[in-house]
C-alpha atoms as a PDB file:
ATOM      1  CA  UNK A   1      60.098 150.021 117.053  1.00  0.00           C
ATOM      2  CA  UNK A   2      63.601 148.577 116.556  1.00  0.00           C
ATOM      3  CA  UNK A   3      65.105 151.975 117.365  1.00  0.00           C
ATOM      4  CA  UNK A   4      63.195 152.142 120.643  1.00  0.00           C
ATOM      5  CA  UNK A   5      64.345 148.661 121.677  1.00  0.00           C
ATOM      6  CA  UNK A   6      67.934 149.501 120.737  1.00  0.00           C
ATOM      7  CA  UNK A   7      67.751 152.736 122.759  1.00  0.00           C
ATOM      8  CA  UNK A   8      66.405 150.910 125.824  1.00  0.00           C
ATOM      9  CA  UNK A   9      69.138 148.261 125.579  1.00  0.00           C
ATOM     10  CA  UNK A  10      71.887 150.850 125.166  1.00  0.00           C
ATOM     11  CA  UNK A  11      70.560 152.928 128.041  1.00  0.00           C
ATOM     12  CA  UNK A  12      70.433 149.853 130.262  1.00  0.00           C
ATOM     13  CA  UNK A  13      74.047 148.924 129.554  1.00  0.00           C
ATOM     14  CA  UNK A  14      75.325 152.492 129.598  1.00  0.00           C
ATOM     15  CA  UNK A  15      73.904 153.287 133.013  1.00  0.00           C
ATOM     16  CA  UNK A  16      74.467 149.872 134.581  1.00  0.00           C
ATOM     17  CA  UNK A  17      76.435 149.918 137.779  1.00  0.00           C
ATOM     18  CA  UNK A  18      77.150 147.534 140.586  1.00  0.00           C
ATOM     19  CA  UNK A  19      74.691 147.166 143.409  1.00  0.00           C
ATOM     20  CA  UNK A  20      76.044 146.398 146.840  1.00  0.00           C
ATOM     21  CA  UNK A  21      74.586 143.804 149.169  1.00  0.00           C
ATOM     22  CA  UNK A  22      73.355 144.656 152.626  1.00  0.00           C
ATOM     23  CA  UNK A  23      74.850 145.657 154.862  1.00  0.00           C
ATOM     24  CA  UNK A  24      76.129 148.394 152.577  1.00  0.00           C
ATOM     25  CA  UNK A  25      79.854 149.162 152.848  1.00  0.00           C
ATOM     26  CA  UNK A  26      80.573 152.226 154.979  1.00  0.00           C
ATOM     27  CA  UNK A  27      83.571 154.036 156.412  1.00  0.00           C
ATOM     28  CA  UNK A  28      83.085 152.209 159.710  1.00  0.00           C
ATOM     29  CA  UNK A  29      82.496 148.828 158.038  1.00  0.00           C
ATOM     30  CA  UNK A  30      84.288 148.788 154.690  1.00  0.00           C
ATOM     31  CA  UNK A  31      84.415 145.843 152.321  1.00  0.00           C
ATOM     32  CA  UNK A  32      87.634 144.024 153.100  1.00  0.00           C
ATOM     33  CA  UNK A  33      89.339 141.989 150.388  1.00  0.00           C
ATOM     34  CA  UNK A  34      92.540 139.966 150.568  1.00  0.00           C
ATOM     35  CA  UNK A  35      94.288 138.745 147.424  1.00  0.00           C
ATOM     36  CA  UNK A  36      96.814 135.950 147.668  1.00  0.00           C
ATOM     37  CA  UNK A  37      99.626 136.210 145.163  1.00  0.00           C
ATOM     38  CA  UNK A  38     101.849 133.140 144.928  1.00  0.00           C
ATOM     39  CA  UNK A  39     102.814 133.224 141.235  1.00  0.00           C
ATOM     40  CA  UNK A  40     105.166 135.682 139.540  1.00  0.00           C
ATOM     41  CA  UNK A  41     104.107 135.120 135.928  1.00  0.00           C
ATOM     42  CA  UNK A  42     103.832 138.680 134.565  1.00  0.00           C
ATOM     43  CA  UNK A  43     100.541 138.096 132.736  1.00  0.00           C
ATOM     44  CA  UNK A  44      98.958 136.519 135.821  1.00  0.00           C
ATOM     45  CA  UNK A  45     100.198 139.269 138.109  1.00  0.00           C
ATOM     46  CA  UNK A  46      98.869 141.953 135.737  1.00  0.00           C
ATOM     47  CA  UNK A  47      95.527 140.176 135.425  1.00  0.00           C
ATOM     48  CA  UNK A  48      95.157 140.341 139.186  1.00  0.00           C
ATOM     49  CA  UNK A  49      96.261 143.957 139.326  1.00  0.00           C
ATOM     50  CA  UNK A  50      93.553 144.712 136.760  1.00  0.00           C
ATOM     51  CA  UNK A  51      91.022 142.967 139.005  1.00  0.00           C
ATOM     52  CA  UNK A  52      92.093 145.210 141.872  1.00  0.00           C
ATOM     53  CA  UNK A  53      91.704 148.312 139.685  1.00  0.00           C
ATOM     54  CA  UNK A  54      88.208 147.115 138.724  1.00  0.00           C
ATOM     55  CA  UNK A  55      87.257 146.741 142.377  1.00  0.00           C
ATOM     56  CA  UNK A  56      88.622 150.201 143.162  1.00  0.00           C
ATOM     57  CA  UNK A  57      86.503 151.718 140.371  1.00  0.00           C
ATOM     58  CA  UNK A  58      83.281 150.348 141.819  1.00  0.00           C
ATOM     59  CA  UNK A  59      83.596 151.094 145.531  1.00  0.00           C
ATOM     60  CA  UNK A  60      83.983 154.531 147.074  1.00  0.00           C
ATOM     61  CA  UNK A  61      87.542 154.574 148.456  1.00  0.00           C
ATOM     62  CA  UNK A  62      86.466 155.135 152.047  1.00  0.00           C
ATOM     63  CA  UNK A  63      84.373 151.944 151.956  1.00  0.00           C
ATOM     64  CA  UNK A  64      87.071 149.547 150.788  1.00  0.00           C
ATOM     65  CA  UNK A  65      90.237 147.942 152.165  1.00  0.00           C
ATOM     66  CA  UNK A  66      92.357 145.763 149.845  1.00  0.00           C
ATOM     67  CA  UNK A  67      95.371 143.759 150.958  1.00  0.00           C
ATOM     68  CA  UNK A  68      97.632 141.654 148.710  1.00  0.00           C
ATOM     69  CA  UNK A  69      99.540 138.923 150.539  1.00  0.00           C
ATOM     70  CA  UNK A  70     102.510 137.645 148.560  1.00  0.00           C
ATOM     71  CA  UNK A  71     104.465 134.504 149.341  1.00  0.00           C
ATOM     72  CA  UNK A  72     106.409 131.832 147.532  1.00  0.00           C
ATOM     73  CA  UNK A  73     107.112 132.681 143.911  1.00  0.00           C
ATOM     74  CA  UNK A  74     104.687 135.615 144.150  1.00  0.00           C
ATOM     75  CA  UNK A  75     107.306 137.521 146.148  1.00  0.00           C
ATOM     76  CA  UNK A  76     109.262 138.022 142.907  1.00  0.00           C
ATOM     77  CA  UNK A  77     106.554 140.452 141.746  1.00  0.00           C
ATOM     78  CA  UNK A  78     107.607 142.900 144.481  1.00  0.00           C
ATOM     79  CA  UNK A  79     111.335 142.793 143.734  1.00  0.00           C
ATOM     80  CA  UNK A  80     112.973 145.898 142.257  1.00  0.00           C
ATOM     81  CA  UNK A  81     114.310 143.800 139.354  1.00  0.00           C
ATOM     82  CA  UNK A  82     110.820 142.618 138.292  1.00  0.00           C
ATOM     83  CA  UNK A  83     108.981 143.900 135.204  1.00  0.00           C
ATOM     84  CA  UNK A  84     109.123 147.731 135.404  1.00  0.00           C
ATOM     85  CA  UNK A  85     105.636 148.358 133.985  1.00  0.00           C
ATOM     86  CA  UNK A  86     104.126 145.933 136.485  1.00  0.00           C
ATOM     87  CA  UNK A  87     106.035 147.518 139.356  1.00  0.00           C
ATOM     88  CA  UNK A  88     104.643 150.900 138.287  1.00  0.00           C
ATOM     89  CA  UNK A  89     101.125 149.471 138.486  1.00  0.00           C
ATOM     90  CA  UNK A  90     101.833 148.057 141.958  1.00  0.00           C
ATOM     91  CA  UNK A  91     103.196 151.353 143.279  1.00  0.00           C
ATOM     92  CA  UNK A  92     100.206 153.131 141.743  1.00  0.00           C
ATOM     93  CA  UNK A  93      97.872 150.812 143.656  1.00  0.00           C
ATOM     94  CA  UNK A  94      99.802 151.570 146.849  1.00  0.00           C
ATOM     95  CA  UNK A  95      98.899 155.234 146.315  1.00  0.00           C
ATOM     96  CA  UNK A  96      95.254 154.115 146.497  1.00  0.00           C
ATOM     97  CA  UNK A  97      95.955 152.509 149.888  1.00  0.00           C
ATOM     98  CA  UNK A  98      96.203 148.951 148.578  1.00  0.00           C
ATOM     99  CA  UNK A  99      98.532 147.233 151.034  1.00  0.00           C
ATOM    100  CA  UNK A 100     101.118 144.740 149.774  1.00  0.00           C
ATOM    101  CA  UNK A 101     102.453 142.292 152.344  1.00  0.00           C
ATOM    102  CA  UNK A 102     105.513 140.108 151.795  1.00  0.00           C
ATOM    103  CA  UNK A 103     106.530 136.828 153.395  1.00  0.00           C
ATOM    104  CA  UNK A 104     109.733 136.796 155.432  1.00  0.00           C
ATOM    105  CA  UNK A 105     109.900 132.980 155.291  1.00  0.00           C
ATOM    106  CA  UNK A 106     110.106 133.148 151.489  1.00  0.00           C
ATOM    107  CA  UNK A 107     112.734 135.869 151.693  1.00  0.00           C
ATOM    108  CA  UNK A 108     114.846 133.792 154.081  1.00  0.00           C
ATOM    109  CA  UNK A 109     114.521 130.688 151.896  1.00  0.00           C
ATOM    110  CA  UNK A 110     115.552 132.646 148.791  1.00  0.00           C
ATOM    111  CA  UNK A 111     118.236 134.582 150.726  1.00  0.00           C
ATOM    112  CA  UNK A 112     116.637 137.906 149.801  1.00  0.00           C
ATOM    113  CA  UNK A 113     116.548 141.018 151.959  1.00  0.00           C
ATOM    114  CA  UNK A 114     114.187 143.973 152.179  1.00  0.00           C
ATOM    115  CA  UNK A 115     116.530 146.203 150.149  1.00  0.00           C
ATOM    116  CA  UNK A 116     115.748 144.077 147.060  1.00  0.00           C
ATOM    117  CA  UNK A 117     112.036 144.938 147.245  1.00  0.00           C
ATOM    118  CA  UNK A 118     110.088 148.053 146.333  1.00  0.00           C
ATOM    119  CA  UNK A 119     109.360 150.593 149.055  1.00  0.00           C
ATOM    120  CA  UNK A 120     106.250 150.514 151.223  1.00  0.00           C
ATOM    121  CA  UNK A 121     105.864 146.733 151.333  1.00  0.00           C
ATOM    122  CA  UNK A 122     104.851 145.434 154.769  1.00  0.00           C
ATOM    123  CA  UNK A 123     106.287 142.144 155.968  1.00  0.00           C
ATOM    124  CA  UNK A 124     105.014 139.251 158.056  1.00  0.00           C
ATOM    125  CA  UNK A 125     106.820 136.072 159.029  1.00  0.00           C
ATOM    126  CA  UNK A 126     104.492 133.705 157.172  1.00  0.00           C
ATOM    127  CA  UNK A 127     102.411 135.005 154.282  1.00  0.00           C
ATOM    128  CA  UNK A 128     100.089 132.013 154.290  1.00  0.00           C
ATOM    129  CA  UNK A 129      99.337 132.557 157.992  1.00  0.00           C
ATOM    130  CA  UNK A 130      98.571 136.233 157.296  1.00  0.00           C
ATOM    131  CA  UNK A 131      96.143 135.114 154.599  1.00  0.00           C
ATOM    132  CA  UNK A 132      94.412 132.742 157.032  1.00  0.00           C
ATOM    133  CA  UNK A 133      94.171 135.409 159.714  1.00  0.00           C
ATOM    134  CA  UNK A 134      92.747 137.995 157.310  1.00  0.00           C
ATOM    135  CA  UNK A 135      90.050 135.534 156.257  1.00  0.00           C
ATOM    136  CA  UNK A 136      89.242 134.757 159.889  1.00  0.00           C
ATOM    137  CA  UNK A 137      88.982 138.522 160.472  1.00  0.00           C
ATOM    138  CA  UNK A 138      86.282 138.729 157.790  1.00  0.00           C
ATOM    139  CA  UNK A 139      88.214 139.563 154.634  1.00  0.00           C
ATOM    140  CA  UNK A 140      86.869 138.140 151.387  1.00  0.00           C
ATOM    141  CA  UNK A 141      89.630 135.963 149.939  1.00  0.00           C
ATOM    142  CA  UNK A 142      90.613 136.149 146.265  1.00  0.00           C
ATOM    143  CA  UNK A 143      93.019 133.566 144.893  1.00  0.00           C
ATOM    144  CA  UNK A 144      95.300 135.237 142.380  1.00  0.00           C
ATOM    145  CA  UNK A 145      96.046 132.926 139.464  1.00  0.00           C
END
């Protein structure tokens, strides 16, 4: 009897997968997620990158749109002189169509220019405003700590 119970428990956990709420995500109406990244602590940044990878594993790629808005100290995570392993993870996520958006206001305050950042980053004047507008447009907001 114990073996049967153990088998049922293992089978339940082995074959468990996420269930999606209605309306189901589709190509026409994907799940839209916006992460806000305002801290450059390497362990925090990597924790959030891992969360993004976990989301990507669960949703079919055509039913998901992820955007990471960086501003303030979080902009450091996109600089070419940041932690190399973390930058590799970020560029890998870009290959999966995760969009990284940087804040021009932060760059101007810190006297940074686009050449100091990795390729394929998009820029907006105010990162915090972009975050607000994405949420208004229906994106689910994730605060990256």
